[in-house]
Amino acid sequence: MSEKLKTIKELADELSVTKQNIQYHYQRLPKELQLKSSNGSNLINSKAEKIILGKVESSSKSNTKDQQISSKENFEDEKLDNPFINRLIKEVEYLKIDKDKIISTKDQQISSKDQQIEKLTNLLDQQQRLALQDKKLLEEYKAENDSLKALKMPTEGSQAEQANSQPKEEVKALKFEIRTLQEELNKQKIHSQEEREKLKAELTTPKKWYQFWK
């Protein structure tokens, strides 16, 4: 069965291109593929058709790429000449810069807030430790004071006997020791109260919680 040959017009119609396009690629085929009819018309066999089809597709892709490049260049030129587009580009660039500044500011505020929270937490822990120390000191002084009171106030039955047998110097020294211990206890109470007031003022007066989020 003989191979079916196509004319240049038939192949051009199939590929939706011009006859001149097919004729251009036909003339560049090897001589053995440039077939002729009995009346001298150009004919194309399957092998020549594949070569021409490849050339047409390659040319089409090249033209499409050139059109894209041309469109891009036209857009760039239009962008340079269009003040509205230039203004939009500047606004977009400004928004990008402003966004970065906002993010940086927020990060700094969060970091500052975390530092303030950590400082307040440490102050609260310190206040709790001081309160426990004060409580312990008060209990110790109370127990010591009760012990001294027990020595100072003997039972009624033996009070007269003890007063007669105990030297005056020993009673005087005991009274002095009791007074000294009471003065020291009072000083410790005043010192503890001052520490608590100082911590309370530092926690409440200088800063307010809503300032952490500004």
C-alpha atoms as a PDB file:
ATOM      1  CA  MET A   1       0.000   0.000   0.000  1.00  0.00           C
ATOM      2  CA  SER A   2       1.480   3.307  -1.076  1.00  0.00           C
ATOM      3  CA  GLU A   3       2.092   6.077   1.453  1.00  0.00           C
ATOM      4  CA  LYS A   4      -0.385   8.949   1.427  1.00  0.00           C
ATOM      5  CA  LEU A   5       1.295  12.231   0.545  1.00  0.00           C
ATOM      6  CA  LYS A   6       0.078  15.673   1.508  1.00  0.00           C
ATOM      7  CA  THR A   7       0.303  18.974  -0.265  1.00  0.00           C
ATOM      8  CA  ILE A   8       1.652  22.097   1.433  1.00  0.00           C
ATOM      9  CA  LYS A   9      -1.904  23.531   1.674  1.00  0.00           C
ATOM     10  CA  GLU A  10      -3.265  20.382   3.297  1.00  0.00           C
ATOM     11  CA  LEU A  11      -0.567  20.326   5.941  1.00  0.00           C
ATOM     12  CA  ALA A  12      -0.930  24.064   6.539  1.00  0.00           C
ATOM     13  CA  ASP A  13      -4.665  23.648   7.125  1.00  0.00           C
ATOM     14  CA  GLU A  14      -4.082  20.763   9.545  1.00  0.00           C
ATOM     15  CA  LEU A  15      -1.540  22.738  11.586  1.00  0.00           C
ATOM     16  CA  SER A  16      -3.499  26.021  11.354  1.00  0.00           C
ATOM     17  CA  VAL A  17      -0.542  27.893   9.941  1.00  0.00           C
ATOM     18  CA  THR A  18       0.083  29.725   6.674  1.00  0.00           C
ATOM     19  CA  LYS A  19       1.169  28.037   3.453  1.00  0.00           C
ATOM     20  CA  GLN A  20       4.233  30.299   3.460  1.00  0.00           C
ATOM     21  CA  ASN A  21       5.238  28.848   6.818  1.00  0.00           C
ATOM     22  CA  ILE A  22       5.064  25.258   5.556  1.00  0.00           C
ATOM     23  CA  GLN A  23       6.754  26.239   2.281  1.00  0.00           C
ATOM     24  CA  TYR A  24       9.617  27.839   4.268  1.00  0.00           C
ATOM     25  CA  HIS A  25      10.315  24.635   6.215  1.00  0.00           C
ATOM     26  CA  TYR A  26       9.765  22.437   3.107  1.00  0.00           C
ATOM     27  CA  GLN A  27      12.504  24.218   1.202  1.00  0.00           C
ATOM     28  CA  ARG A  28      14.951  23.456   4.039  1.00  0.00           C
ATOM     29  CA  LEU A  29      14.306  19.716   3.970  1.00  0.00           C
ATOM     30  CA  PRO A  30      16.994  17.345   2.654  1.00  0.00           C
ATOM     31  CA  LYS A  31      16.752  16.983  -1.143  1.00  0.00           C
ATOM     32  CA  GLU A  32      15.592  13.363  -0.894  1.00  0.00           C
ATOM     33  CA  LEU A  33      12.525  14.500   1.105  1.00  0.00           C
ATOM     34  CA  GLN A  34      11.492  17.282  -1.291  1.00  0.00           C
ATOM     35  CA  LEU A  35       9.016  15.223  -3.332  1.00  0.00           C
ATOM     36  CA  LYS A  36       7.205  16.445  -6.421  1.00  0.00           C
ATOM     37  CA  SER A  37       3.962  15.426  -8.097  1.00  0.00           C
ATOM     38  CA  SER A  38       3.665  14.667 -11.803  1.00  0.00           C
ATOM     39  CA  ASN A  39       2.578  18.254 -12.382  1.00  0.00           C
ATOM     40  CA  GLY A  40       5.479  19.683 -10.288  1.00  0.00           C
ATOM     41  CA  SER A  41       3.572  20.414  -7.024  1.00  0.00           C
ATOM     42  CA  ASN A  42       5.428  19.976  -3.738  1.00  0.00           C
ATOM     43  CA  LEU A  43       4.448  16.836  -1.795  1.00  0.00           C
ATOM     44  CA  ILE A  44       5.150  15.867   1.811  1.00  0.00           C
ATOM     45  CA  ASN A  45       5.480  12.294   3.100  1.00  0.00           C
ATOM     46  CA  SER A  46       5.211  11.161   6.752  1.00  0.00           C
ATOM     47  CA  LYS A  47       8.919  11.594   7.454  1.00  0.00           C
ATOM     48  CA  ALA A  48       8.993  15.105   6.037  1.00  0.00           C
ATOM     49  CA  GLU A  49       5.762  15.910   7.929  1.00  0.00           C
ATOM     50  CA  LYS A  50       7.372  15.006  11.255  1.00  0.00           C
ATOM     51  CA  ILE A  51      10.345  17.255  10.559  1.00  0.00           C
ATOM     52  CA  ILE A  52       8.123  20.168   9.487  1.00  0.00           C
ATOM     53  CA  LEU A  53       5.821  19.644  12.510  1.00  0.00           C
ATOM     54  CA  GLY A  54       8.809  19.859  14.858  1.00  0.00           C
ATOM     55  CA  LYS A  55      10.014  23.044  13.173  1.00  0.00           C
ATOM     56  CA  VAL A  56       6.536  24.621  13.392  1.00  0.00           C
ATOM     57  CA  GLU A  57       6.141  23.773  17.090  1.00  0.00           C
ATOM     58  CA  SER A  58       9.629  25.067  17.901  1.00  0.00           C
ATOM     59  CA  SER A  59       8.918  28.260  16.019  1.00  0.00           C
ATOM     60  CA  SER A  60       5.582  28.655  17.798  1.00  0.00           C
ATOM     61  CA  LYS A  61       7.201  28.290  21.239  1.00  0.00           C
ATOM     62  CA  SER A  62       9.892  30.774  20.305  1.00  0.00           C
ATOM     63  CA  ASN A  63       7.283  33.270  19.128  1.00  0.00           C
ATOM     64  CA  THR A  64       5.283  32.827  22.362  1.00  0.00           C
ATOM     65  CA  LYS A  65       8.408  33.463  24.475  1.00  0.00           C
ATOM     66  CA  ASP A  66       9.239  36.536  22.430  1.00  0.00           C
ATOM     67  CA  GLN A  67       5.704  37.798  22.930  1.00  0.00           C
ATOM     68  CA  GLN A  68       5.990  37.309  26.710  1.00  0.00           C
ATOM     69  CA  ILE A  69       9.291  39.150  26.791  1.00  0.00           C
ATOM     70  CA  SER A  70       7.845  41.916  24.693  1.00  0.00           C
ATOM     71  CA  SER A  71       4.772  42.156  26.918  1.00  0.00           C
ATOM     72  CA  LYS A  72       6.971  42.336  30.008  1.00  0.00           C
ATOM     73  CA  GLU A  73       9.124  45.039  28.457  1.00  0.00           C
ATOM     74  CA  ASN A  74       6.012  46.952  27.447  1.00  0.00           C
ATOM     75  CA  PHE A  75       4.675  46.667  30.988  1.00  0.00           C
ATOM     76  CA  GLU A  76       7.962  47.904  32.434  1.00  0.00           C
ATOM     77  CA  ASP A  77       7.922  50.848  30.046  1.00  0.00           C
ATOM     78  CA  GLU A  78       4.317  51.561  30.908  1.00  0.00           C
ATOM     79  CA  LYS A  79       5.120  51.317  34.587  1.00  0.00           C
ATOM     80  CA  LEU A  80       7.855  53.903  34.252  1.00  0.00           C
ATOM     81  CA  ASP A  81       5.558  56.262  32.365  1.00  0.00           C
ATOM     82  CA  ASN A  82       2.447  55.731  34.505  1.00  0.00           C
ATOM     83  CA  PRO A  83       2.408  57.852  37.703  1.00  0.00           C
ATOM     84  CA  PHE A  84      -0.511  55.872  39.137  1.00  0.00           C
ATOM     85  CA  ILE A  85       1.412  52.587  38.932  1.00  0.00           C
ATOM     86  CA  ASN A  86       4.514  54.256  40.376  1.00  0.00           C
ATOM     87  CA  ARG A  87       2.474  55.549  43.309  1.00  0.00           C
ATOM     88  CA  LEU A  88       1.014  52.102  43.962  1.00  0.00           C
ATOM     89  CA  ILE A  89       4.493  50.552  43.902  1.00  0.00           C
ATOM     90  CA  LYS A  90       5.768  53.125  46.408  1.00  0.00           C
ATOM     91  CA  GLU A  91       2.784  52.515  48.686  1.00  0.00           C
ATOM     92  CA  VAL A  92       3.386  48.758  48.614  1.00  0.00           C
ATOM     93  CA  GLU A  93       7.082  49.253  49.439  1.00  0.00           C
ATOM     94  CA  TYR A  94       6.160  51.634  52.272  1.00  0.00           C
ATOM     95  CA  LEU A  95       3.680  49.119  53.689  1.00  0.00           C
ATOM     96  CA  LYS A  96       6.364  46.423  53.651  1.00  0.00           C
ATOM     97  CA  ILE A  97       8.787  48.680  55.549  1.00  0.00           C
ATOM     98  CA  ASP A  98       6.057  49.788  57.979  1.00  0.00           C
ATOM     99  CA  LYS A  99       5.090  46.155  58.607  1.00  0.00           C
ATOM    100  CA  ASP A 100       8.679  45.290  59.522  1.00  0.00           C
ATOM    101  CA  LYS A 101       8.811  48.245  61.930  1.00  0.00           C
ATOM    102  CA  ILE A 102       5.550  47.213  63.588  1.00  0.00           C
ATOM    103  CA  ILE A 103       6.784  43.635  64.042  1.00  0.00           C
ATOM    104  CA  SER A 104      10.081  44.879  65.503  1.00  0.00           C
ATOM    105  CA  THR A 105       8.256  47.224  67.906  1.00  0.00           C
ATOM    106  CA  LYS A 106       5.912  44.476  69.057  1.00  0.00           C
ATOM    107  CA  ASP A 107       8.846  42.150  69.679  1.00  0.00           C
ATOM    108  CA  GLN A 108      10.532  44.806  71.819  1.00  0.00           C
ATOM    109  CA  GLN A 109       7.323  45.411  73.793  1.00  0.00           C
ATOM    110  CA  ILE A 110       6.862  41.688  74.421  1.00  0.00           C
ATOM    111  CA  SER A 111      10.480  41.357  75.551  1.00  0.00           C
ATOM    112  CA  SER A 112      10.098  44.330  77.908  1.00  0.00           C
ATOM    113  CA  LYS A 113       6.865  42.908  79.309  1.00  0.00           C
ATOM    114  CA  ASP A 114       8.513  39.545  79.957  1.00  0.00           C
ATOM    115  CA  GLN A 115      11.351  41.266  81.826  1.00  0.00           C
ATOM    116  CA  GLN A 116       8.898  43.233  83.974  1.00  0.00           C
ATOM    117  CA  ILE A 117       6.903  40.119  84.789  1.00  0.00           C
ATOM    118  CA  GLU A 118      10.081  38.273  85.750  1.00  0.00           C
ATOM    119  CA  LYS A 119      11.150  41.162  87.999  1.00  0.00           C
ATOM    120  CA  LEU A 120       7.766  41.298  89.736  1.00  0.00           C
ATOM    121  CA  THR A 121       7.814  37.542  90.219  1.00  0.00           C
ATOM    122  CA  ASN A 122      11.229  37.784  91.897  1.00  0.00           C
ATOM    123  CA  LEU A 123       9.971  40.600  94.145  1.00  0.00           C
ATOM    124  CA  LEU A 124       6.948  38.539  95.170  1.00  0.00           C
ATOM    125  CA  ASP A 125       9.169  35.573  95.972  1.00  0.00           C
ATOM    126  CA  GLN A 126      11.447  37.818  98.012  1.00  0.00           C
ATOM    127  CA  GLN A 127       8.466  39.224  99.925  1.00  0.00           C
ATOM    128  CA  GLN A 128       7.216  35.728 100.709  1.00  0.00           C
ATOM    129  CA  ARG A 129      10.650  34.673 101.980  1.00  0.00           C
ATOM    130  CA  LEU A 130      10.868  37.754 104.185  1.00  0.00           C
ATOM    131  CA  ALA A 131       7.397  37.101 105.565  1.00  0.00           C
ATOM    132  CA  LEU A 132       8.386  33.535 106.468  1.00  0.00           C
ATOM    133  CA  GLN A 133      11.597  34.773 108.121  1.00  0.00           C
ATOM    134  CA  ASP A 134       9.645  37.369 110.119  1.00  0.00           C
ATOM    135  CA  LYS A 135       7.177  34.745 111.257  1.00  0.00           C
ATOM    136  CA  LYS A 136       9.982  32.425 112.340  1.00  0.00           C
ATOM    137  CA  LEU A 137      11.800  35.229 114.229  1.00  0.00           C
ATOM    138  CA  LEU A 138       8.612  36.271 115.997  1.00  0.00           C
ATOM    139  CA  GLU A 139       7.942  32.711 117.107  1.00  0.00           C
ATOM    140  CA  GLU A 140      11.516  32.337 118.402  1.00  0.00           C
ATOM    141  CA  TYR A 141      11.384  35.619 120.326  1.00  0.00           C
ATOM    142  CA  LYS A 142       7.966  34.809 121.677  1.00  0.00           C
ATOM    143  CA  ALA A 143       9.159  31.459 122.967  1.00  0.00           C
ATOM    144  CA  GLU A 144      12.259  33.069 124.527  1.00  0.00           C
ATOM    145  CA  ASN A 145      10.159  35.830 126.065  1.00  0.00           C
ATOM    146  CA  ASP A 146       7.734  33.301 127.548  1.00  0.00           C
ATOM    147  CA  SER A 147      10.685  31.434 129.018  1.00  0.00           C
ATOM    148  CA  LEU A 148      12.021  34.639 130.617  1.00  0.00           C
ATOM    149  CA  LYS A 149       8.601  35.506 131.983  1.00  0.00           C
ATOM    150  CA  ALA A 150       8.421  32.070 133.594  1.00  0.00           C
ATOM    151  CA  LEU A 151      11.740  32.755 135.296  1.00  0.00           C
ATOM    152  CA  LYS A 152      10.636  36.247 136.332  1.00  0.00           C
ATOM    153  CA  MET A 153       7.290  35.152 137.792  1.00  0.00           C
ATOM    154  CA  PRO A 154       7.689  32.121 140.119  1.00  0.00           C
ATOM    155  CA  THR A 155       4.722  30.400 141.776  1.00  0.00           C
ATOM    156  CA  GLU A 156       2.980  32.129 144.707  1.00  0.00           C
ATOM    157  CA  GLY A 157       3.973  29.484 147.202  1.00  0.00           C
ATOM    158  CA  SER A 158       7.712  29.858 146.577  1.00  0.00           C
ATOM    159  CA  GLN A 159       7.825  33.563 145.638  1.00  0.00           C
ATOM    160  CA  ALA A 160       8.598  34.887 149.090  1.00  0.00           C
ATOM    161  CA  GLU A 161      11.134  32.171 149.731  1.00  0.00           C
ATOM    162  CA  GLN A 162      12.904  32.747 146.403  1.00  0.00           C
ATOM    163  CA  ALA A 163      12.986  36.524 146.911  1.00  0.00           C
ATOM    164  CA  ASN A 164      14.723  36.072 150.247  1.00  0.00           C
ATOM    165  CA  SER A 165      17.246  33.539 148.941  1.00  0.00           C
ATOM    166  CA  GLN A 166      18.121  35.147 145.605  1.00  0.00           C
ATOM    167  CA  PRO A 167      20.794  37.855 145.645  1.00  0.00           C
ATOM    168  CA  LYS A 168      19.750  41.345 144.532  1.00  0.00           C
ATOM    169  CA  GLU A 169      22.521  41.465 141.935  1.00  0.00           C
ATOM    170  CA  GLU A 170      21.156  38.378 140.165  1.00  0.00           C
ATOM    171  CA  VAL A 171      17.623  39.826 140.066  1.00  0.00           C
ATOM    172  CA  LYS A 172      18.957  43.078 138.655  1.00  0.00           C
ATOM    173  CA  ALA A 173      20.972  41.288 135.960  1.00  0.00           C
ATOM    174  CA  LEU A 174      17.941  39.207 134.998  1.00  0.00           C
ATOM    175  CA  LYS A 175      15.779  42.304 134.636  1.00  0.00           C
ATOM    176  CA  PHE A 176      18.422  43.947 132.462  1.00  0.00           C
ATOM    177  CA  GLU A 177      18.626  40.869 130.230  1.00  0.00           C
ATOM    178  CA  ILE A 178      14.832  40.799 129.858  1.00  0.00           C
ATOM    179  CA  ARG A 179      14.745  44.497 128.932  1.00  0.00           C
ATOM    180  CA  THR A 180      17.546  44.017 126.373  1.00  0.00           C
ATOM    181  CA  LEU A 181      15.770  41.108 124.729  1.00  0.00           C
ATOM    182  CA  GLN A 182      12.529  43.055 124.552  1.00  0.00           C
ATOM    183  CA  GLU A 183      14.293  46.021 122.906  1.00  0.00           C
ATOM    184  CA  GLU A 184      15.937  43.713 120.363  1.00  0.00           C
ATOM    185  CA  LEU A 185      12.557  42.124 119.616  1.00  0.00           C
ATOM    186  CA  ASN A 186      11.017  45.554 119.052  1.00  0.00           C
ATOM    187  CA  LYS A 187      13.836  46.505 116.678  1.00  0.00           C
ATOM    188  CA  GLN A 188      13.332  43.310 114.692  1.00  0.00           C
ATOM    189  CA  LYS A 189       9.594  44.015 114.429  1.00  0.00           C
ATOM    190  CA  ILE A 190      10.249  47.571 113.188  1.00  0.00           C
ATOM    191  CA  HIS A 191      12.837  46.328 110.656  1.00  0.00           C
ATOM    192  CA  SER A 192      10.475  43.652 109.339  1.00  0.00           C
ATOM    193  CA  GLN A 193       7.663  46.201 109.019  1.00  0.00           C
ATOM    194  CA  GLU A 194       9.935  48.592 107.080  1.00  0.00           C
ATOM    195  CA  GLU A 195      10.989  45.796 104.698  1.00  0.00           C
ATOM    196  CA  ARG A 196       7.371  44.882 104.014  1.00  0.00           C
ATOM    197  CA  GLU A 197       6.406  48.505 103.396  1.00  0.00           C
ATOM    198  CA  LYS A 198       9.370  48.953 101.032  1.00  0.00           C
ATOM    199  CA  LEU A 199       8.435  45.872  99.005  1.00  0.00           C
ATOM    200  CA  LYS A 200       4.788  46.896  98.923  1.00  0.00           C
ATOM    201  CA  ALA A 201       5.680  50.391  97.651  1.00  0.00           C
ATOM    202  CA  GLU A 202       7.988  48.959  94.957  1.00  0.00           C
ATOM    203  CA  LEU A 203       5.290  46.542  93.756  1.00  0.00           C
ATOM    204  CA  THR A 204       2.366  48.978  93.649  1.00  0.00           C
ATOM    205  CA  THR A 205       3.548  52.586  93.299  1.00  0.00           C
ATOM    206  CA  PRO A 206       6.149  52.858  90.396  1.00  0.00           C
ATOM    207  CA  LYS A 207       4.379  50.802  87.710  1.00  0.00           C
ATOM    208  CA  LYS A 208       0.860  49.839  86.705  1.00  0.00           C
ATOM    209  CA  TRP A 209      -0.009  46.614  84.998  1.00  0.00           C
ATOM    210  CA  TYR A 210      -1.644  48.238  81.983  1.00  0.00           C
ATOM    211  CA  GLN A 211       1.648  49.913  81.080  1.00  0.00           C
ATOM    212  CA  PHE A 212       3.163  46.541  80.219  1.00  0.00           C
ATOM    213  CA  TRP A 213       1.055  46.292  77.089  1.00  0.00           C
ATOM    214  CA  LYS A 214       1.757  49.743  75.671  1.00  0.00           C
END
